[in-house]
Amino acid sequence: MTTPNQNKLIPEKRLYSIKEGAKYLGCGVYTLRELIWRRVLPVVKFGKKQYVDFYDLEKFIEHNKQ
């Protein structure tokens, strides 16, 4: 028997670098940066570093399914 929580994807880590986020989405780094610049995807900033939240990437994927 499976519980509802077993079907949810639990990430290895919560924040991905821009390079890791692009790899996760299967796009280039520039494409991911463009999505951030256009405010399609939010970022988490630590000083000069930017990270994308795993759950925001998942929402983006779900929202863009056809």
PDB file of N, CA and C in Angstrom:
ATOM      1  N   MET A   1       0.847  -1.175   0.000  1.00  0.00           N
ATOM      2  CA  MET A   1       0.000   0.000   0.000  1.00  0.00           C
ATOM      3  C   MET A   1       0.894   1.241   0.000  1.00  0.00           C
ATOM      4  N   THR A   2       0.561   2.214  -0.864  1.00  0.00           N
ATOM      5  CA  THR A   2       1.337   3.451  -0.899  1.00  0.00           C
ATOM      6  C   THR A   2       0.565   4.568  -0.230  1.00  0.00           C
ATOM      7  N   THR A   3       1.279   5.405   0.466  1.00  0.00           N
ATOM      8  CA  THR A   3       0.659   6.578   1.083  1.00  0.00           C
ATOM      9  C   THR A   3       0.806   7.753   0.140  1.00  0.00           C
ATOM     10  N   PRO A   4       0.007   8.800   0.299  1.00  0.00           N
ATOM     11  CA  PRO A   4       0.092   9.957  -0.594  1.00  0.00           C
ATOM     12  C   PRO A   4       1.485  10.591  -0.624  1.00  0.00           C
ATOM     13  N   ASN A   5       2.210  10.574   0.476  1.00  0.00           N
ATOM     14  CA  ASN A   5       3.529  11.191   0.507  1.00  0.00           C
ATOM     15  C   ASN A   5       4.567  10.413  -0.288  1.00  0.00           C
ATOM     16  N   GLN A   6       4.353   9.148  -0.527  1.00  0.00           N
ATOM     17  CA  GLN A   6       5.315   8.357  -1.280  1.00  0.00           C
ATOM     18  C   GLN A   6       5.326   8.731  -2.756  1.00  0.00           C
ATOM     19  N   ASN A   7       4.261   9.302  -3.259  1.00  0.00           N
ATOM     20  CA  ASN A   7       4.186   9.686  -4.656  1.00  0.00           C
ATOM     21  C   ASN A   7       4.832  11.038  -4.926  1.00  0.00           C
ATOM     22  N   LYS A   8       5.118  11.820  -3.906  1.00  0.00           N
ATOM     23  CA  LYS A   8       5.717  13.125  -4.088  1.00  0.00           C
ATOM     24  C   LYS A   8       7.217  12.987  -4.277  1.00  0.00           C
ATOM     25  N   LEU A   9       7.742  13.808  -5.167  1.00  0.00           N
ATOM     26  CA  LEU A   9       9.168  13.805  -5.435  1.00  0.00           C
ATOM     27  C   LEU A   9       9.898  14.562  -4.338  1.00  0.00           C
ATOM     28  N   ILE A  10      10.854  13.911  -3.706  1.00  0.00           N
ATOM     29  CA  ILE A  10      11.640  14.548  -2.659  1.00  0.00           C
ATOM     30  C   ILE A  10      13.031  14.786  -3.225  1.00  0.00           C
ATOM     31  N   PRO A  11      13.439  16.054  -3.329  1.00  0.00           N
ATOM     32  CA  PRO A  11      14.726  16.352  -3.958  1.00  0.00           C
ATOM     33  C   PRO A  11      15.912  15.957  -3.085  1.00  0.00           C
ATOM     34  N   GLU A  12      17.012  15.698  -3.769  1.00  0.00           N
ATOM     35  CA  GLU A  12      18.269  15.419  -3.078  1.00  0.00           C
ATOM     36  C   GLU A  12      18.726  16.663  -2.321  1.00  0.00           C
ATOM     37  N   LYS A  13      18.535  17.829  -2.951  1.00  0.00           N
ATOM     38  CA  LYS A  13      18.803  19.110  -2.300  1.00  0.00           C
ATOM     39  C   LYS A  13      17.772  20.103  -2.789  1.00  0.00           C
ATOM     40  N   ARG A  14      17.552  21.172  -2.060  1.00  0.00           N
ATOM     41  CA  ARG A  14      16.478  22.113  -2.362  1.00  0.00           C
ATOM     42  C   ARG A  14      16.888  23.170  -3.376  1.00  0.00           C
ATOM     43  N   LEU A  15      18.102  23.732  -3.236  1.00  0.00           N
ATOM     44  CA  LEU A  15      18.547  24.809  -4.120  1.00  0.00           C
ATOM     45  C   LEU A  15      19.574  24.302  -5.116  1.00  0.00           C
ATOM     46  N   TYR A  16      19.361  24.685  -6.374  1.00  0.00           N
ATOM     47  CA  TYR A  16      20.279  24.307  -7.445  1.00  0.00           C
ATOM     48  C   TYR A  16      20.962  25.561  -7.970  1.00  0.00           C
ATOM     49  N   SER A  17      22.235  25.417  -8.339  1.00  0.00           N
ATOM     50  CA  SER A  17      22.922  26.521  -9.011  1.00  0.00           C
ATOM     51  C   SER A  17      22.249  26.722 -10.375  1.00  0.00           C
ATOM     52  N   ILE A  18      22.573  27.814 -11.025  1.00  0.00           N
ATOM     53  CA  ILE A  18      22.000  28.074 -12.349  1.00  0.00           C
ATOM     54  C   ILE A  18      22.380  26.949 -13.318  1.00  0.00           C
ATOM     55  N   LYS A  19      23.614  26.521 -13.250  1.00  0.00           N
ATOM     56  CA  LYS A  19      24.077  25.439 -14.134  1.00  0.00           C
ATOM     57  C   LYS A  19      23.322  24.139 -13.845  1.00  0.00           C
ATOM     58  N   GLU A  20      23.152  23.802 -12.571  1.00  0.00           N
ATOM     59  CA  GLU A  20      22.434  22.587 -12.198  1.00  0.00           C
ATOM     60  C   GLU A  20      20.952  22.687 -12.580  1.00  0.00           C
ATOM     61  N   GLY A  21      20.365  23.871 -12.381  1.00  0.00           N
ATOM     62  CA  GLY A  21      18.960  24.071 -12.747  1.00  0.00           C
ATOM     63  C   GLY A  21      18.731  23.916 -14.238  1.00  0.00           C
ATOM     64  N   ALA A  22      19.667  24.446 -15.027  1.00  0.00           N
ATOM     65  CA  ALA A  22      19.565  24.316 -16.483  1.00  0.00           C
ATOM     66  C   ALA A  22      19.663  22.846 -16.885  1.00  0.00           C
ATOM     67  N   LYS A  23      20.575  22.124 -16.254  1.00  0.00           N
ATOM     68  CA  LYS A  23      20.723  20.696 -16.553  1.00  0.00           C
ATOM     69  C   LYS A  23      19.447  19.944 -16.181  1.00  0.00           C
ATOM     70  N   TYR A  24      18.850  20.288 -15.034  1.00  0.00           N
ATOM     71  CA  TYR A  24      17.620  19.633 -14.594  1.00  0.00           C
ATOM     72  C   TYR A  24      16.489  19.862 -15.595  1.00  0.00           C
ATOM     73  N   LEU A  25      16.395  21.096 -16.112  1.00  0.00           N
ATOM     74  CA  LEU A  25      15.345  21.404 -17.088  1.00  0.00           C
ATOM     75  C   LEU A  25      15.672  20.899 -18.481  1.00  0.00           C
ATOM     76  N   GLY A  26      16.939  20.584 -18.720  1.00  0.00           N
ATOM     77  CA  GLY A  26      17.338  20.139 -20.052  1.00  0.00           C
ATOM     78  C   GLY A  26      17.484  21.286 -21.025  1.00  0.00           C
ATOM     79  N   CYS A  27      17.898  22.441 -20.516  1.00  0.00           N
ATOM     80  CA  CYS A  27      18.097  23.609 -21.371  1.00  0.00           C
ATOM     81  C   CYS A  27      19.487  24.180 -21.099  1.00  0.00           C
ATOM     82  N   GLY A  28      19.829  25.205 -21.829  1.00  0.00           N
ATOM     83  CA  GLY A  28      21.116  25.847 -21.625  1.00  0.00           C
ATOM     84  C   GLY A  28      21.074  26.833 -20.469  1.00  0.00           C
ATOM     85  N   VAL A  29      22.251  27.190 -19.984  1.00  0.00           N
ATOM     86  CA  VAL A  29      22.359  28.156 -18.887  1.00  0.00           C
ATOM     87  C   VAL A  29      21.756  29.491 -19.305  1.00  0.00           C
ATOM     88  N   TYR A  30      22.031  29.922 -20.530  1.00  0.00           N
ATOM     89  CA  TYR A  30      21.501  31.202 -20.997  1.00  0.00           C
ATOM     90  C   TYR A  30      19.974  31.187 -21.012  1.00  0.00           C
ATOM     91  N   THR A  31      19.379  30.081 -21.424  1.00  0.00           N
ATOM     92  CA  THR A  31      17.916  29.976 -21.452  1.00  0.00           C
ATOM     93  C   THR A  31      17.340  30.106 -20.052  1.00  0.00           C
ATOM     94  N   LEU A  32      17.964  29.449 -19.088  1.00  0.00           N
ATOM     95  CA  LEU A  32      17.487  29.552 -17.704  1.00  0.00           C
ATOM     96  C   LEU A  32      17.650  30.975 -17.193  1.00  0.00           C
ATOM     97  N   ARG A  33      18.780  31.611 -17.500  1.00  0.00           N
ATOM     98  CA  ARG A  33      18.974  33.004 -17.081  1.00  0.00           C
ATOM     99  C   ARG A  33      17.920  33.917 -17.694  1.00  0.00           C
ATOM    100  N   GLU A  34      17.536  33.653 -18.944  1.00  0.00           N
ATOM    101  CA  GLU A  34      16.486  34.436 -19.588  1.00  0.00           C
ATOM    102  C   GLU A  34      15.152  34.281 -18.863  1.00  0.00           C
ATOM    103  N   LEU A  35      14.832  33.065 -18.448  1.00  0.00           N
ATOM    104  CA  LEU A  35      13.600  32.833 -17.688  1.00  0.00           C
ATOM    105  C   LEU A  35      13.627  33.605 -16.369  1.00  0.00           C
ATOM    106  N   ILE A  36      14.798  33.698 -15.770  1.00  0.00           N
ATOM    107  CA  ILE A  36      14.947  34.446 -14.524  1.00  0.00           C
ATOM    108  C   ILE A  36      14.807  35.940 -14.793  1.00  0.00           C
ATOM    109  N   TRP A  37      15.475  36.437 -15.837  1.00  0.00           N
ATOM    110  CA  TRP A  37      15.404  37.864 -16.169  1.00  0.00           C
ATOM    111  C   TRP A  37      13.983  38.295 -16.502  1.00  0.00           C
ATOM    112  N   ARG A  38      13.225  37.396 -17.167  1.00  0.00           N
ATOM    113  CA  ARG A  38      11.831  37.708 -17.516  1.00  0.00           C
ATOM    114  C   ARG A  38      10.874  37.456 -16.355  1.00  0.00           C
ATOM    115  N   ARG A  39      11.420  37.039 -15.208  1.00  0.00           N
ATOM    116  CA  ARG A  39      10.660  36.769 -13.982  1.00  0.00           C
ATOM    117  C   ARG A  39       9.667  35.620 -14.128  1.00  0.00           C
ATOM    118  N   VAL A  40      10.018  34.677 -15.010  1.00  0.00           N
ATOM    119  CA  VAL A  40       9.228  33.465 -15.149  1.00  0.00           C
ATOM    120  C   VAL A  40       9.582  32.518 -14.002  1.00  0.00           C
ATOM    121  N   LEU A  41      10.857  32.508 -13.633  1.00  0.00           N
ATOM    122  CA  LEU A  41      11.341  31.706 -12.508  1.00  0.00           C
ATOM    123  C   LEU A  41      11.969  32.632 -11.469  1.00  0.00           C
ATOM    124  N   PRO A  42      11.603  32.481 -10.203  1.00  0.00           N
ATOM    125  CA  PRO A  42      12.251  33.278  -9.158  1.00  0.00           C
ATOM    126  C   PRO A  42      13.608  32.686  -8.783  1.00  0.00           C
ATOM    127  N   VAL A  43      14.451  33.507  -8.172  1.00  0.00           N
ATOM    128  CA  VAL A  43      15.761  33.032  -7.713  1.00  0.00           C
ATOM    129  C   VAL A  43      15.918  33.327  -6.228  1.00  0.00           C
ATOM    130  N   VAL A  44      16.809  32.588  -5.626  1.00  0.00           N
ATOM    131  CA  VAL A  44      17.219  32.819  -4.246  1.00  0.00           C
ATOM    132  C   VAL A  44      18.638  33.351  -4.336  1.00  0.00           C
ATOM    133  N   LYS A  45      18.885  34.503  -3.719  1.00  0.00           N
ATOM    134  CA  LYS A  45      20.209  35.117  -3.811  1.00  0.00           C
ATOM    135  C   LYS A  45      20.955  34.991  -2.495  1.00  0.00           C
ATOM    136  N   PHE A  46      22.213  34.574  -2.591  1.00  0.00           N
ATOM    137  CA  PHE A  46      23.154  34.571  -1.476  1.00  0.00           C
ATOM    138  C   PHE A  46      24.337  35.406  -1.933  1.00  0.00           C
ATOM    139  N   GLY A  47      24.393  36.663  -1.526  1.00  0.00           N
ATOM    140  CA  GLY A  47      25.450  37.549  -2.020  1.00  0.00           C
ATOM    141  C   GLY A  47      25.313  37.715  -3.514  1.00  0.00           C
ATOM    142  N   LYS A  48      26.362  37.372  -4.250  1.00  0.00           N
ATOM    143  CA  LYS A  48      26.316  37.477  -5.714  1.00  0.00           C
ATOM    144  C   LYS A  48      25.824  36.196  -6.369  1.00  0.00           C
ATOM    145  N   LYS A  49      25.738  35.123  -5.624  1.00  0.00           N
ATOM    146  CA  LYS A  49      25.312  33.833  -6.166  1.00  0.00           C
ATOM    147  C   LYS A  49      23.787  33.777  -6.279  1.00  0.00           C
ATOM    148  N   GLN A  50      23.311  33.113  -7.304  1.00  0.00           N
ATOM    149  CA  GLN A  50      21.881  32.908  -7.506  1.00  0.00           C
ATOM    150  C   GLN A  50      21.597  31.415  -7.582  1.00  0.00           C
ATOM    151  N   TYR A  51      20.490  31.029  -6.982  1.00  0.00           N
ATOM    152  CA  TYR A  51      20.073  29.632  -6.984  1.00  0.00           C
ATOM    153  C   TYR A  51      18.600  29.562  -7.354  1.00  0.00           C
ATOM    154  N   VAL A  52      18.205  28.433  -7.926  1.00  0.00           N
ATOM    155  CA  VAL A  52      16.789  28.203  -8.224  1.00  0.00           C
ATOM    156  C   VAL A  52      16.279  27.102  -7.305  1.00  0.00           C
ATOM    157  N   ASP A  53      15.068  27.284  -6.837  1.00  0.00           N
ATOM    158  CA  ASP A  53      14.434  26.335  -5.931  1.00  0.00           C
ATOM    159  C   ASP A  53      13.908  25.144  -6.727  1.00  0.00           C
ATOM    160  N   PHE A  54      14.181  23.956  -6.244  1.00  0.00           N
ATOM    161  CA  PHE A  54      13.725  22.724  -6.889  1.00  0.00           C
ATOM    162  C   PHE A  54      12.219  22.768  -7.150  1.00  0.00           C
ATOM    163  N   TYR A  55      11.454  23.221  -6.165  1.00  0.00           N
ATOM    164  CA  TYR A  55       9.998  23.222  -6.311  1.00  0.00           C
ATOM    165  C   TYR A  55       9.524  24.243  -7.343  1.00  0.00           C
ATOM    166  N   ASP A  56      10.250  25.342  -7.531  1.00  0.00           N
ATOM    167  CA  ASP A  56       9.912  26.292  -8.591  1.00  0.00           C
ATOM    168  C   ASP A  56      10.175  25.678  -9.961  1.00  0.00           C
ATOM    169  N   LEU A  57      11.236  24.894 -10.077  1.00  0.00           N
ATOM    170  CA  LEU A  57      11.508  24.196 -11.335  1.00  0.00           C
ATOM    171  C   LEU A  57      10.388  23.201 -11.637  1.00  0.00           C
ATOM    172  N   GLU A  58       9.955  22.476 -10.621  1.00  0.00           N
ATOM    173  CA  GLU A  58       8.864  21.513 -10.803  1.00  0.00           C
ATOM    174  C   GLU A  58       7.561  22.220 -11.208  1.00  0.00           C
ATOM    175  N   LYS A  59       7.258  23.353 -10.586  1.00  0.00           N
ATOM    176  CA  LYS A  59       6.056  24.120 -10.952  1.00  0.00           C
ATOM    177  C   LYS A  59       6.143  24.591 -12.395  1.00  0.00           C
ATOM    178  N   PHE A  60       7.325  25.052 -12.795  1.00  0.00           N
ATOM    179  CA  PHE A  60       7.524  25.512 -14.165  1.00  0.00           C
ATOM    180  C   PHE A  60       7.254  24.376 -15.151  1.00  0.00           C
ATOM    181  N   ILE A  61       7.770  23.198 -14.846  1.00  0.00           N
ATOM    182  CA  ILE A  61       7.560  22.041 -15.715  1.00  0.00           C
ATOM    183  C   ILE A  61       6.070  21.697 -15.800  1.00  0.00           C
ATOM    184  N   GLU A  62       5.417  21.615 -14.659  1.00  0.00           N
ATOM    185  CA  GLU A  62       3.994  21.270 -14.645  1.00  0.00           C
ATOM    186  C   GLU A  62       3.144  22.304 -15.387  1.00  0.00           C
ATOM    187  N   HIS A  63       3.484  23.572 -15.213  1.00  0.00           N
ATOM    188  CA  HIS A  63       2.716  24.657 -15.847  1.00  0.00           C
ATOM    189  C   HIS A  63       2.885  24.659 -17.368  1.00  0.00           C
ATOM    190  N   ASN A  64       4.014  24.171 -17.859  1.00  0.00           N
ATOM    191  CA  ASN A  64       4.294  24.223 -19.287  1.00  0.00           C
ATOM    192  C   ASN A  64       4.047  22.901 -20.008  1.00  0.00           C
ATOM    193  N   LYS A  65       3.456  21.947 -19.336  1.00  0.00           N
ATOM    194  CA  LYS A  65       3.092  20.690 -20.004  1.00  0.00           C
ATOM    195  C   LYS A  65       1.933  20.953 -20.957  1.00  0.00           C
ATOM    196  N   GLN A  66       1.958  20.253 -22.063  1.00  0.00           N
ATOM    197  CA  GLN A  66       0.858  20.407 -23.038  1.00  0.00           C
ATOM    198  C   GLN A  66       0.184  19.099 -23.278  1.00  0.00           C
TER     199      GLN A  66
END
